[in-house]
Amino acid sequence: QVQLVESGGGLVQAGGSLRLACAASGRTFSDYAMGWFRQAPGKERRFVAKISWDGVTTYYSESVKGRFTISRDNAKNTVYLQMNSLKPEDTAVYYCNGPIIRGVAGDYWGQGTQVTVSS
């Protein structure tokens, strides 16, 4: 059974940092791009960041560019999202997704991890 399990969410003050992790099991995603999405209350799920299979190429939404960094460790089958300079508008449930092929979200989603940023 394929699973993506996110961790690292929590409550943080504006300007603070959090590091999310997404651990995959049941199959390897090392040959595929992976990504993070988020969903704020009452809003649609939106793209945050993605990373190529080898970690060389990354892409971010404009709202997080310069503050968030996506990375991966294929030996651990894990993808990370380092979030710095957090803002209240970053409050959302964050989801890991893969495999991302030709820019399209994959079939596998994690259960999500809540990030709450207080002002």
PDB file of N, CA and C in Angstrom:
ATOM      1  N   GLN A   1       0.848  -1.186   0.000  1.00  0.00           N
ATOM      2  CA  GLN A   1       0.000   0.000   0.000  1.00  0.00           C
ATOM      3  C   GLN A   1       0.888   1.242   0.000  1.00  0.00           C
ATOM      4  N   VAL A   2       0.622   2.138  -0.942  1.00  0.00           N
ATOM      5  CA  VAL A   2       1.406   3.353  -1.041  1.00  0.00           C
ATOM      6  C   VAL A   2       0.880   4.389  -0.063  1.00  0.00           C
ATOM      7  N   GLN A   3       1.794   4.999   0.685  1.00  0.00           N
ATOM      8  CA  GLN A   3       1.411   6.039   1.625  1.00  0.00           C
ATOM      9  C   GLN A   3       2.377   7.193   1.564  1.00  0.00           C
ATOM     10  N   LEU A   4       1.830   8.394   1.685  1.00  0.00           N
ATOM     11  CA  LEU A   4       2.615   9.614   1.894  1.00  0.00           C
ATOM     12  C   LEU A   4       2.193  10.157   3.243  1.00  0.00           C
ATOM     13  N   VAL A   5       3.142  10.329   4.136  1.00  0.00           N
ATOM     14  CA  VAL A   5       2.827  10.775   5.486  1.00  0.00           C
ATOM     15  C   VAL A   5       3.568  12.066   5.778  1.00  0.00           C
ATOM     16  N   GLU A   6       2.799  13.139   5.980  1.00  0.00           N
ATOM     17  CA  GLU A   6       3.387  14.437   6.287  1.00  0.00           C
ATOM     18  C   GLU A   6       3.559  14.596   7.805  1.00  0.00           C
ATOM     19  N   SER A   7       4.533  15.393   8.163  1.00  0.00           N
ATOM     20  CA  SER A   7       4.760  15.729   9.564  1.00  0.00           C
ATOM     21  C   SER A   7       5.430  17.097   9.635  1.00  0.00           C
ATOM     22  N   GLY A   8       5.438  17.671  10.841  1.00  0.00           N
ATOM     23  CA  GLY A   8       6.162  18.916  11.051  1.00  0.00           C
ATOM     24  C   GLY A   8       5.302  20.154  11.158  1.00  0.00           C
ATOM     25  N   GLY A   9       4.000  20.002  10.965  1.00  0.00           N
ATOM     26  CA  GLY A   9       3.131  21.165  11.089  1.00  0.00           C
ATOM     27  C   GLY A   9       2.997  21.602  12.535  1.00  0.00           C
ATOM     28  N   GLY A  10       2.332  22.747  12.723  1.00  0.00           N
ATOM     29  CA  GLY A  10       2.133  23.236  14.081  1.00  0.00           C
ATOM     30  C   GLY A  10       1.716  24.683  14.094  1.00  0.00           C
ATOM     31  N   LEU A  11       1.776  25.267  15.283  1.00  0.00           N
ATOM     32  CA  LEU A  11       1.429  26.672  15.483  1.00  0.00           C
ATOM     33  C   LEU A  11       2.713  27.474  15.641  1.00  0.00           C
ATOM     34  N   VAL A  12       2.823  28.543  14.891  1.00  0.00           N
ATOM     35  CA  VAL A  12       4.019  29.373  14.943  1.00  0.00           C
ATOM     36  C   VAL A  12       3.607  30.837  14.803  1.00  0.00           C
ATOM     37  N   GLN A  13       4.386  31.727  15.368  1.00  0.00           N
ATOM     38  CA  GLN A  13       4.123  33.159  15.228  1.00  0.00           C
ATOM     39  C   GLN A  13       4.604  33.655  13.865  1.00  0.00           C
ATOM     40  N   ALA A  14       4.007  34.727  13.423  1.00  0.00           N
ATOM     41  CA  ALA A  14       4.431  35.338  12.166  1.00  0.00           C
ATOM     42  C   ALA A  14       5.924  35.651  12.230  1.00  0.00           C
ATOM     43  N   GLY A  15       6.607  35.355  11.131  1.00  0.00           N
ATOM     44  CA  GLY A  15       8.050  35.526  11.080  1.00  0.00           C
ATOM     45  C   GLY A  15       8.839  34.294  11.462  1.00  0.00           C
ATOM     46  N   GLY A  16       8.154  33.306  11.991  1.00  0.00           N
ATOM     47  CA  GLY A  16       8.811  32.076  12.406  1.00  0.00           C
ATOM     48  C   GLY A  16       9.017  31.095  11.273  1.00  0.00           C
ATOM     49  N   SER A  17       9.515  29.916  11.638  1.00  0.00           N
ATOM     50  CA  SER A  17       9.846  28.890  10.649  1.00  0.00           C
ATOM     51  C   SER A  17       9.295  27.532  11.064  1.00  0.00           C
ATOM     52  N   LEU A  18       9.038  26.716  10.062  1.00  0.00           N
ATOM     53  CA  LEU A  18       8.674  25.320  10.255  1.00  0.00           C
ATOM     54  C   LEU A  18       9.297  24.510   9.133  1.00  0.00           C
ATOM     55  N   ARG A  19       9.551  23.245   9.404  1.00  0.00           N
ATOM     56  CA  ARG A  19      10.042  22.342   8.371  1.00  0.00           C
ATOM     57  C   ARG A  19       9.108  21.145   8.287  1.00  0.00           C
ATOM     58  N   LEU A  20       8.478  20.996   7.149  1.00  0.00           N
ATOM     59  CA  LEU A  20       7.596  19.870   6.909  1.00  0.00           C
ATOM     60  C   LEU A  20       8.375  18.731   6.259  1.00  0.00           C
ATOM     61  N   ALA A  21       7.953  17.519   6.549  1.00  0.00           N
ATOM     62  CA  ALA A  21       8.535  16.342   5.911  1.00  0.00           C
ATOM     63  C   ALA A  21       7.423  15.462   5.359  1.00  0.00           C
ATOM     64  N   CYS A  22       7.707  14.803   4.260  1.00  0.00           N
ATOM     65  CA  CYS A  22       6.766  13.869   3.647  1.00  0.00           C
ATOM     66  C   CYS A  22       7.507  12.563   3.382  1.00  0.00           C
ATOM     67  N   ALA A  23       7.160  11.548   4.137  1.00  0.00           N
ATOM     68  CA  ALA A  23       7.808  10.251   4.006  1.00  0.00           C
ATOM     69  C   ALA A  23       6.928   9.318   3.188  1.00  0.00           C
ATOM     70  N   ALA A  24       7.510   8.741   2.145  1.00  0.00           N
ATOM     71  CA  ALA A  24       6.771   7.844   1.273  1.00  0.00           C
ATOM     72  C   ALA A  24       7.090   6.393   1.622  1.00  0.00           C
ATOM     73  N   SER A  25       6.102   5.551   1.513  1.00  0.00           N
ATOM     74  CA  SER A  25       6.306   4.122   1.717  1.00  0.00           C
ATOM     75  C   SER A  25       5.442   3.360   0.719  1.00  0.00           C
ATOM     76  N   GLY A  26       5.794   2.139   0.473  1.00  0.00           N
ATOM     77  CA  GLY A  26       5.026   1.303  -0.440  1.00  0.00           C
ATOM     78  C   GLY A  26       5.519   1.326  -1.870  1.00  0.00           C
ATOM     79  N   ARG A  27       6.234   2.380  -2.249  1.00  0.00           N
ATOM     80  CA  ARG A  27       6.886   2.467  -3.547  1.00  0.00           C
ATOM     81  C   ARG A  27       7.901   3.593  -3.470  1.00  0.00           C
ATOM     82  N   THR A  28       8.796   3.603  -4.426  1.00  0.00           N
ATOM     83  CA  THR A  28       9.761   4.673  -4.470  1.00  0.00           C
ATOM     84  C   THR A  28       9.306   5.759  -5.438  1.00  0.00           C
ATOM     85  N   PHE A  29       9.546   6.998  -5.047  1.00  0.00           N
ATOM     86  CA  PHE A  29       9.231   8.119  -5.914  1.00  0.00           C
ATOM     87  C   PHE A  29      10.508   8.791  -6.406  1.00  0.00           C
ATOM     88  N   SER A  30      11.625   8.119  -6.262  1.00  0.00           N
ATOM     89  CA  SER A  30      12.912   8.748  -6.574  1.00  0.00           C
ATOM     90  C   SER A  30      13.080   9.065  -8.054  1.00  0.00           C
ATOM     91  N   ASP A  31      12.274   8.476  -8.906  1.00  0.00           N
ATOM     92  CA  ASP A  31      12.362   8.742 -10.344  1.00  0.00           C
ATOM     93  C   ASP A  31      11.390   9.825 -10.808  1.00  0.00           C
ATOM     94  N   TYR A  32      10.683  10.441  -9.871  1.00  0.00           N
ATOM     95  CA  TYR A  32       9.623  11.370 -10.244  1.00  0.00           C
ATOM     96  C   TYR A  32       9.707  12.679  -9.466  1.00  0.00           C
ATOM     97  N   ALA A  33       9.160  13.723 -10.083  1.00  0.00           N
ATOM     98  CA  ALA A  33       8.997  14.978  -9.362  1.00  0.00           C
ATOM     99  C   ALA A  33       7.959  14.798  -8.263  1.00  0.00           C
ATOM    100  N   MET A  34       8.142  15.561  -7.195  1.00  0.00           N
ATOM    101  CA  MET A  34       7.210  15.558  -6.073  1.00  0.00           C
ATOM    102  C   MET A  34       6.863  16.996  -5.735  1.00  0.00           C
ATOM    103  N   GLY A  35       5.777  17.179  -4.991  1.00  0.00           N
ATOM    104  CA  GLY A  35       5.400  18.547  -4.695  1.00  0.00           C
ATOM    105  C   GLY A  35       4.611  18.710  -3.411  1.00  0.00           C
ATOM    106  N   TRP A  36       4.412  19.970  -3.068  1.00  0.00           N
ATOM    107  CA  TRP A  36       3.585  20.355  -1.928  1.00  0.00           C
ATOM    108  C   TRP A  36       2.454  21.260  -2.410  1.00  0.00           C
ATOM    109  N   PHE A  37       1.293  21.042  -1.810  1.00  0.00           N
ATOM    110  CA  PHE A  37       0.118  21.866  -2.055  1.00  0.00           C
ATOM    111  C   PHE A  37      -0.416  22.308  -0.702  1.00  0.00           C
ATOM    112  N   ARG A  38      -1.303  23.275  -0.696  1.00  0.00           N
ATOM    113  CA  ARG A  38      -1.930  23.683   0.557  1.00  0.00           C
ATOM    114  C   ARG A  38      -3.381  24.094   0.316  1.00  0.00           C
ATOM    115  N   GLN A  39      -4.167  23.968   1.373  1.00  0.00           N
ATOM    116  CA  GLN A  39      -5.573  24.318   1.307  1.00  0.00           C
ATOM    117  C   GLN A  39      -5.958  25.096   2.556  1.00  0.00           C
ATOM    118  N   ALA A  40      -6.307  26.350   2.349  1.00  0.00           N
ATOM    119  CA  ALA A  40      -6.760  27.194   3.443  1.00  0.00           C
ATOM    120  C   ALA A  40      -8.265  26.995   3.636  1.00  0.00           C
ATOM    121  N   PRO A  41      -8.785  27.318   4.812  1.00  0.00           N
ATOM    122  CA  PRO A  41     -10.214  27.130   5.080  1.00  0.00           C
ATOM    123  C   PRO A  41     -11.080  27.842   4.057  1.00  0.00           C
ATOM    124  N   GLY A  42     -12.022  27.113   3.472  1.00  0.00           N
ATOM    125  CA  GLY A  42     -12.941  27.698   2.516  1.00  0.00           C
ATOM    126  C   GLY A  42     -12.362  27.979   1.152  1.00  0.00           C
ATOM    127  N   LYS A  43     -11.135  27.516   0.903  1.00  0.00           N
ATOM    128  CA  LYS A  43     -10.490  27.771  -0.389  1.00  0.00           C
ATOM    129  C   LYS A  43     -10.091  26.467  -1.058  1.00  0.00           C
ATOM    130  N   GLU A  44      -9.772  26.571  -2.346  1.00  0.00           N
ATOM    131  CA  GLU A  44      -9.332  25.403  -3.093  1.00  0.00           C
ATOM    132  C   GLU A  44      -7.900  25.039  -2.730  1.00  0.00           C
ATOM    133  N   ARG A  45      -7.558  23.788  -2.971  1.00  0.00           N
ATOM    134  CA  ARG A  45      -6.183  23.343  -2.777  1.00  0.00           C
ATOM    135  C   ARG A  45      -5.316  23.971  -3.874  1.00  0.00           C
ATOM    136  N   ARG A  46      -4.171  24.506  -3.465  1.00  0.00           N
ATOM    137  CA  ARG A  46      -3.329  25.227  -4.413  1.00  0.00           C
ATOM    138  C   ARG A  46      -1.890  24.728  -4.357  1.00  0.00           C
ATOM    139  N   PHE A  47      -1.239  24.847  -5.489  1.00  0.00           N
ATOM    140  CA  PHE A  47       0.153  24.449  -5.616  1.00  0.00           C
ATOM    141  C   PHE A  47       1.057  25.357  -4.780  1.00  0.00           C
ATOM    142  N   VAL A  48       2.086  24.765  -4.151  1.00  0.00           N
ATOM    143  CA  VAL A  48       3.066  25.535  -3.386  1.00  0.00           C
ATOM    144  C   VAL A  48       4.459  25.418  -3.999  1.00  0.00           C
ATOM    145  N   ALA A  49       4.908  24.178  -4.189  1.00  0.00           N
ATOM    146  CA  ALA A  49       6.270  23.970  -4.692  1.00  0.00           C
ATOM    147  C   ALA A  49       6.394  22.570  -5.266  1.00  0.00           C
ATOM    148  N   LYS A  50       7.357  22.409  -6.176  1.00  0.00           N
ATOM    149  CA  LYS A  50       7.668  21.080  -6.683  1.00  0.00           C
ATOM    150  C   LYS A  50       9.167  20.962  -6.902  1.00  0.00           C
ATOM    151  N   ILE A  51       9.617  19.707  -6.953  1.00  0.00           N
ATOM    152  CA  ILE A  51      11.047  19.435  -7.098  1.00  0.00           C
ATOM    153  C   ILE A  51      11.231  18.282  -8.062  1.00  0.00           C
ATOM    154  N   SER A  52      12.251  18.397  -8.909  1.00  0.00           N
ATOM    155  CA  SER A  52      12.522  17.349  -9.887  1.00  0.00           C
ATOM    156  C   SER A  52      13.017  16.088  -9.191  1.00  0.00           C
ATOM    157  N   TRP A  53      13.071  15.002  -9.944  1.00  0.00           N
ATOM    158  CA  TRP A  53      13.426  13.712  -9.361  1.00  0.00           C
ATOM    159  C   TRP A  53      14.812  13.736  -8.726  1.00  0.00           C
ATOM    160  N   ASP A  54      15.720  14.529  -9.301  1.00  0.00           N
ATOM    161  CA  ASP A  54      17.085  14.564  -8.800  1.00  0.00           C
ATOM    162  C   ASP A  54      17.351  15.729  -7.867  1.00  0.00           C
ATOM    163  N   GLY A  55      16.315  16.527  -7.592  1.00  0.00           N
ATOM    164  CA  GLY A  55      16.489  17.641  -6.678  1.00  0.00           C
ATOM    165  C   GLY A  55      17.141  18.873  -7.281  1.00  0.00           C
ATOM    166  N   VAL A  56      17.446  18.827  -8.562  1.00  0.00           N
ATOM    167  CA  VAL A  56      18.177  19.925  -9.189  1.00  0.00           C
ATOM    168  C   VAL A  56      17.268  21.103  -9.514  1.00  0.00           C
ATOM    169  N   THR A  57      16.062  20.795  -9.955  1.00  0.00           N
ATOM    170  CA  THR A  57      15.147  21.845 -10.408  1.00  0.00           C
ATOM    171  C   THR A  57      13.988  21.988  -9.434  1.00  0.00           C
ATOM    172  N   THR A  58      13.727  23.223  -9.036  1.00  0.00           N
ATOM    173  CA  THR A  58      12.603  23.503  -8.144  1.00  0.00           C
ATOM    174  C   THR A  58      11.750  24.620  -8.742  1.00  0.00           C
ATOM    175  N   TYR A  59      10.504  24.643  -8.309  1.00  0.00           N
ATOM    176  CA  TYR A  59       9.569  25.658  -8.807  1.00  0.00           C
ATOM    177  C   TYR A  59       8.613  26.004  -7.679  1.00  0.00           C
ATOM    178  N   TYR A  60       8.329  27.310  -7.528  1.00  0.00           N
ATOM    179  CA  TYR A  60       7.515  27.778  -6.416  1.00  0.00           C
ATOM    180  C   TYR A  60       6.388  28.681  -6.890  1.00  0.00           C
ATOM    181  N   SER A  61       5.326  28.700  -6.121  1.00  0.00           N
ATOM    182  CA  SER A  61       4.296  29.687  -6.377  1.00  0.00           C
ATOM    183  C   SER A  61       4.844  31.056  -5.999  1.00  0.00           C
ATOM    184  N   GLU A  62       4.305  32.087  -6.606  1.00  0.00           N
ATOM    185  CA  GLU A  62       4.795  33.439  -6.338  1.00  0.00           C
ATOM    186  C   GLU A  62       4.625  33.824  -4.875  1.00  0.00           C
ATOM    187  N   SER A  63       3.603  33.297  -4.240  1.00  0.00           N
ATOM    188  CA  SER A  63       3.302  33.687  -2.858  1.00  0.00           C
ATOM    189  C   SER A  63       4.336  33.172  -1.856  1.00  0.00           C
ATOM    190  N   VAL A  64       5.101  32.156  -2.222  1.00  0.00           N
ATOM    191  CA  VAL A  64       6.073  31.594  -1.269  1.00  0.00           C
ATOM    192  C   VAL A  64       7.515  31.722  -1.753  1.00  0.00           C
ATOM    193  N   LYS A  65       7.699  32.168  -2.973  1.00  0.00           N
ATOM    194  CA  LYS A  65       9.047  32.261  -3.544  1.00  0.00           C
ATOM    195  C   LYS A  65       9.935  33.154  -2.682  1.00  0.00           C
ATOM    196  N   GLY A  66      11.138  32.663  -2.383  1.00  0.00           N
ATOM    197  CA  GLY A  66      12.067  33.416  -1.555  1.00  0.00           C
ATOM    198  C   GLY A  66      11.921  33.143  -0.074  1.00  0.00           C
ATOM    199  N   ARG A  67      10.836  32.489   0.337  1.00  0.00           N
ATOM    200  CA  ARG A  67      10.616  32.172   1.753  1.00  0.00           C
ATOM    201  C   ARG A  67      10.618  30.673   2.018  1.00  0.00           C
ATOM    202  N   PHE A  68      10.139  29.893   1.057  1.00  0.00           N
ATOM    203  CA  PHE A  68      10.065  28.437   1.208  1.00  0.00           C
ATOM    204  C   PHE A  68      11.127  27.766   0.348  1.00  0.00           C
ATOM    205  N   THR A  69      11.616  26.614   0.838  1.00  0.00           N
ATOM    206  CA  THR A  69      12.574  25.821   0.076  1.00  0.00           C
ATOM    207  C   THR A  69      12.171  24.358   0.113  1.00  0.00           C
ATOM    208  N   ILE A  70      12.023  23.782  -1.074  1.00  0.00           N
ATOM    209  CA  ILE A  70      11.704  22.359  -1.173  1.00  0.00           C
ATOM    210  C   ILE A  70      12.988  21.585  -1.428  1.00  0.00           C
ATOM    211  N   SER A  71      13.093  20.421  -0.826  1.00  0.00           N
ATOM    212  CA  SER A  71      14.267  19.572  -1.027  1.00  0.00           C
ATOM    213  C   SER A  71      13.842  18.113  -0.888  1.00  0.00           C
ATOM    214  N   ARG A  72      14.748  17.212  -1.209  1.00  0.00           N
ATOM    215  CA  ARG A  72      14.404  15.793  -1.089  1.00  0.00           C
ATOM    216  C   ARG A  72      15.637  14.972  -0.761  1.00  0.00           C
ATOM    217  N   ASP A  73      15.385  13.823  -0.160  1.00  0.00           N
ATOM    218  CA  ASP A  73      16.428  12.844   0.134  1.00  0.00           C
ATOM    219  C   ASP A  73      15.915  11.523  -0.421  1.00  0.00           C
ATOM    220  N   ASN A  74      16.364  11.161  -1.605  1.00  0.00           N
ATOM    221  CA  ASN A  74      15.849   9.951  -2.248  1.00  0.00           C
ATOM    222  C   ASN A  74      16.244   8.680  -1.497  1.00  0.00           C
ATOM    223  N   ALA A  75      17.344   8.719  -0.800  1.00  0.00           N
ATOM    224  CA  ALA A  75      17.745   7.545  -0.021  1.00  0.00           C
ATOM    225  C   ALA A  75      16.738   7.263   1.096  1.00  0.00           C
ATOM    226  N   LYS A  76      16.088   8.325   1.572  1.00  0.00           N
ATOM    227  CA  LYS A  76      15.077   8.173   2.623  1.00  0.00           C
ATOM    228  C   LYS A  76      13.656   8.228   2.073  1.00  0.00           C
ATOM    229  N   ASN A  77      13.535   8.397   0.751  1.00  0.00           N
ATOM    230  CA  ASN A  77      12.213   8.486   0.117  1.00  0.00           C
ATOM    231  C   ASN A  77      11.373   9.588   0.777  1.00  0.00           C
ATOM    232  N   THR A  78      12.007  10.719   1.039  1.00  0.00           N
ATOM    233  CA  THR A  78      11.385  11.807   1.802  1.00  0.00           C
ATOM    234  C   THR A  78      11.580  13.138   1.086  1.00  0.00           C
ATOM    235  N   VAL A  79      10.536  13.954   1.133  1.00  0.00           N
ATOM    236  CA  VAL A  79      10.558  15.308   0.582  1.00  0.00           C
ATOM    237  C   VAL A  79      10.314  16.290   1.728  1.00  0.00           C
ATOM    238  N   TYR A  80      10.994  17.429   1.670  1.00  0.00           N
ATOM    239  CA  TYR A  80      10.905  18.412   2.742  1.00  0.00           C
ATOM    240  C   TYR A  80      10.406  19.749   2.198  1.00  0.00           C
ATOM    241  N   LEU A  81       9.850  20.541   3.120  1.00  0.00           N
ATOM    242  CA  LEU A  81       9.494  21.920   2.794  1.00  0.00           C
ATOM    243  C   LEU A  81       9.917  22.792   3.971  1.00  0.00           C
ATOM    244  N   GLN A  82      10.981  23.550   3.772  1.00  0.00           N
ATOM    245  CA  GLN A  82      11.438  24.501   4.786  1.00  0.00           C
ATOM    246  C   GLN A  82      10.696  25.798   4.567  1.00  0.00           C
ATOM    247  N   MET A  83       9.995  26.251   5.597  1.00  0.00           N
ATOM    248  CA  MET A  83       9.179  27.456   5.493  1.00  0.00           C
ATOM    249  C   MET A  83       9.709  28.512   6.455  1.00  0.00           C
ATOM    250  N   ASN A  84      10.187  29.601   5.916  1.00  0.00           N
ATOM    251  CA  ASN A  84      10.715  30.703   6.708  1.00  0.00           C
ATOM    252  C   ASN A  84       9.867  31.953   6.528  1.00  0.00           C
ATOM    253  N   SER A  85      10.044  32.898   7.436  1.00  0.00           N
ATOM    254  CA  SER A  85       9.317  34.170   7.360  1.00  0.00           C
ATOM    255  C   SER A  85       7.824  33.932   7.152  1.00  0.00           C
ATOM    256  N   LEU A  86       7.282  33.052   7.958  1.00  0.00           N
ATOM    257  CA  LEU A  86       5.880  32.681   7.792  1.00  0.00           C
ATOM    258  C   LEU A  86       4.949  33.851   8.063  1.00  0.00           C
ATOM    259  N   LYS A  87       3.849  33.871   7.318  1.00  0.00           N
ATOM    260  CA  LYS A  87       2.840  34.907   7.421  1.00  0.00           C
ATOM    261  C   LYS A  87       1.498  34.281   7.790  1.00  0.00           C
ATOM    262  N   PRO A  88       0.599  35.053   8.383  1.00  0.00           N
ATOM    263  CA  PRO A  88      -0.721  34.493   8.705  1.00  0.00           C
ATOM    264  C   PRO A  88      -1.428  33.892   7.484  1.00  0.00           C
ATOM    265  N   GLU A  89      -1.195  34.459   6.312  1.00  0.00           N
ATOM    266  CA  GLU A  89      -1.838  33.929   5.104  1.00  0.00           C
ATOM    267  C   GLU A  89      -1.249  32.593   4.646  1.00  0.00           C
ATOM    268  N   ASP A  90      -0.194  32.133   5.292  1.00  0.00           N
ATOM    269  CA  ASP A  90       0.334  30.789   5.019  1.00  0.00           C
ATOM    270  C   ASP A  90      -0.431  29.715   5.783  1.00  0.00           C
ATOM    271  N   THR A  91      -1.334  30.128   6.656  1.00  0.00           N
ATOM    272  CA  THR A  91      -2.127  29.170   7.421  1.00  0.00           C
ATOM    273  C   THR A  91      -2.956  28.304   6.484  1.00  0.00           C
ATOM    274  N   ALA A  92      -2.786  26.985   6.609  1.00  0.00           N
ATOM    275  CA  ALA A  92      -3.462  26.036   5.725  1.00  0.00           C
ATOM    276  C   ALA A  92      -3.101  24.621   6.152  1.00  0.00           C
ATOM    277  N   VAL A  93      -3.796  23.665   5.546  1.00  0.00           N
ATOM    278  CA  VAL A  93      -3.363  22.277   5.630  1.00  0.00           C
ATOM    279  C   VAL A  93      -2.435  22.032   4.438  1.00  0.00           C
ATOM    280  N   TYR A  94      -1.263  21.507   4.720  1.00  0.00           N
ATOM    281  CA  TYR A  94      -0.261  21.274   3.688  1.00  0.00           C
ATOM    282  C   TYR A  94      -0.236  19.791   3.326  1.00  0.00           C
ATOM    283  N   TYR A  95      -0.266  19.535   2.010  1.00  0.00           N
ATOM    284  CA  TYR A  95      -0.316  18.179   1.489  1.00  0.00           C
ATOM    285  C   TYR A  95       0.873  17.894   0.593  1.00  0.00           C
ATOM    286  N   CYS A  96       1.399  16.710   0.735  1.00  0.00           N
ATOM    287  CA  CYS A  96       2.439  16.197  -0.147  1.00  0.00           C
ATOM    288  C   CYS A  96       1.764  15.462  -1.305  1.00  0.00           C
ATOM    289  N   ASN A  97       2.376  15.538  -2.475  1.00  0.00           N
ATOM    290  CA  ASN A  97       1.777  14.897  -3.652  1.00  0.00           C
ATOM    291  C   ASN A  97       2.839  14.329  -4.586  1.00  0.00           C
ATOM    292  N   GLY A  98       2.488  13.224  -5.229  1.00  0.00           N
ATOM    293  CA  GLY A  98       3.343  12.673  -6.248  1.00  0.00           C
ATOM    294  C   GLY A  98       2.725  11.453  -6.880  1.00  0.00           C
ATOM    295  N   PRO A  99       3.321  10.921  -7.928  1.00  0.00           N
ATOM    296  CA  PRO A  99       4.387  11.574  -8.680  1.00  0.00           C
ATOM    297  C   PRO A  99       3.830  12.651  -9.605  1.00  0.00           C
ATOM    298  N   ILE A 100       4.539  13.767  -9.718  1.00  0.00           N
ATOM    299  CA  ILE A 100       4.132  14.838 -10.605  1.00  0.00           C
ATOM    300  C   ILE A 100       4.759  14.575 -11.972  1.00  0.00           C
ATOM    301  N   ILE A 101       3.911  14.403 -12.979  1.00  0.00           N
ATOM    302  CA  ILE A 101       4.370  14.074 -14.327  1.00  0.00           C
ATOM    303  C   ILE A 101       3.853  15.130 -15.287  1.00  0.00           C
ATOM    304  N   ARG A 102       4.745  15.718 -16.019  1.00  0.00           N
ATOM    305  CA  ARG A 102       4.410  16.794 -16.978  1.00  0.00           C
ATOM    306  C   ARG A 102       3.588  17.889 -16.305  1.00  0.00           C
ATOM    307  N   GLY A 103       3.929  18.177 -15.053  1.00  0.00           N
ATOM    308  CA  GLY A 103       3.287  19.268 -14.348  1.00  0.00           C
ATOM    309  C   GLY A 103       1.924  18.961 -13.770  1.00  0.00           C
ATOM    310  N   VAL A 104       1.473  17.733 -13.907  1.00  0.00           N
ATOM    311  CA  VAL A 104       0.146  17.355 -13.413  1.00  0.00           C
ATOM    312  C   VAL A 104       0.289  16.642 -12.070  1.00  0.00           C
ATOM    313  N   ALA A 105      -0.536  17.043 -11.108  1.00  0.00           N
ATOM    314  CA  ALA A 105      -0.506  16.411  -9.791  1.00  0.00           C
ATOM    315  C   ALA A 105      -0.748  14.917  -9.912  1.00  0.00           C
ATOM    316  N   GLY A 106      -0.040  14.166  -9.078  1.00  0.00           N
ATOM    317  CA  GLY A 106      -0.129  12.722  -9.127  1.00  0.00           C
ATOM    318  C   GLY A 106      -1.314  12.164  -8.364  1.00  0.00           C
ATOM    319  N   ASP A 107      -1.389  10.855  -8.351  1.00  0.00           N
ATOM    320  CA  ASP A 107      -2.528  10.169  -7.740  1.00  0.00           C
ATOM    321  C   ASP A 107      -2.435  10.065  -6.220  1.00  0.00           C
ATOM    322  N   TYR A 108      -1.232  10.251  -5.703  1.00  0.00           N
ATOM    323  CA  TYR A 108      -1.028   9.999  -4.282  1.00  0.00           C
ATOM    324  C   TYR A 108      -0.943  11.300  -3.484  1.00  0.00           C
ATOM    325  N   TRP A 109      -1.737  11.340  -2.411  1.00  0.00           N
ATOM    326  CA  TRP A 109      -1.762  12.478  -1.503  1.00  0.00           C
ATOM    327  C   TRP A 109      -1.558  11.994  -0.079  1.00  0.00           C
ATOM    328  N   GLY A 110      -0.895  12.806   0.721  1.00  0.00           N
ATOM    329  CA  GLY A 110      -0.817  12.517   2.135  1.00  0.00           C
ATOM    330  C   GLY A 110      -2.084  12.968   2.825  1.00  0.00           C
ATOM    331  N   GLN A 111      -2.140  12.738   4.133  1.00  0.00           N
ATOM    332  CA  GLN A 111      -3.323  13.101   4.906  1.00  0.00           C
ATOM    333  C   GLN A 111      -3.329  14.586   5.260  1.00  0.00           C
ATOM    334  N   GLY A 112      -2.203  15.236   5.076  1.00  0.00           N
ATOM    335  CA  GLY A 112      -2.107  16.660   5.363  1.00  0.00           C
ATOM    336  C   GLY A 112      -1.583  16.943   6.753  1.00  0.00           C
ATOM    337  N   THR A 113      -0.946  18.091   6.884  1.00  0.00           N
ATOM    338  CA  THR A 113      -0.476  18.555   8.191  1.00  0.00           C
ATOM    339  C   THR A 113      -0.855  20.023   8.328  1.00  0.00           C
ATOM    340  N   GLN A 114      -1.393  20.369   9.478  1.00  0.00           N
ATOM    341  CA  GLN A 114      -1.914  21.723   9.700  1.00  0.00           C
ATOM    342  C   GLN A 114      -0.779  22.670  10.067  1.00  0.00           C
ATOM    343  N   VAL A 115      -0.742  23.798   9.373  1.00  0.00           N
ATOM    344  CA  VAL A 115       0.180  24.885   9.707  1.00  0.00           C
ATOM    345  C   VAL A 115      -0.664  26.106  10.049  1.00  0.00           C
ATOM    346  N   THR A 116      -0.451  26.630  11.245  1.00  0.00           N
ATOM    347  CA  THR A 116      -1.182  27.811  11.688  1.00  0.00           C
ATOM    348  C   THR A 116      -0.185  28.888  12.072  1.00  0.00           C
ATOM    349  N   VAL A 117      -0.322  30.053  11.449  1.00  0.00           N
ATOM    350  CA  VAL A 117       0.583  31.165  11.714  1.00  0.00           C
ATOM    351  C   VAL A 117      -0.218  32.279  12.380  1.00  0.00           C
ATOM    352  N   SER A 118       0.164  32.616  13.591  1.00  0.00           N
ATOM    353  CA  SER A 118      -0.549  33.660  14.332  1.00  0.00           C
ATOM    354  C   SER A 118       0.115  35.013  14.104  1.00  0.00           C
ATOM    355  N   SER A 119      -0.697  36.038  14.130  1.00  0.00           N
ATOM    356  CA  SER A 119      -0.169  37.393  13.885  1.00  0.00           C
ATOM    357  C   SER A 119       0.276  38.049  15.178  1.00  0.00           C
TER     358      SER A 119
END
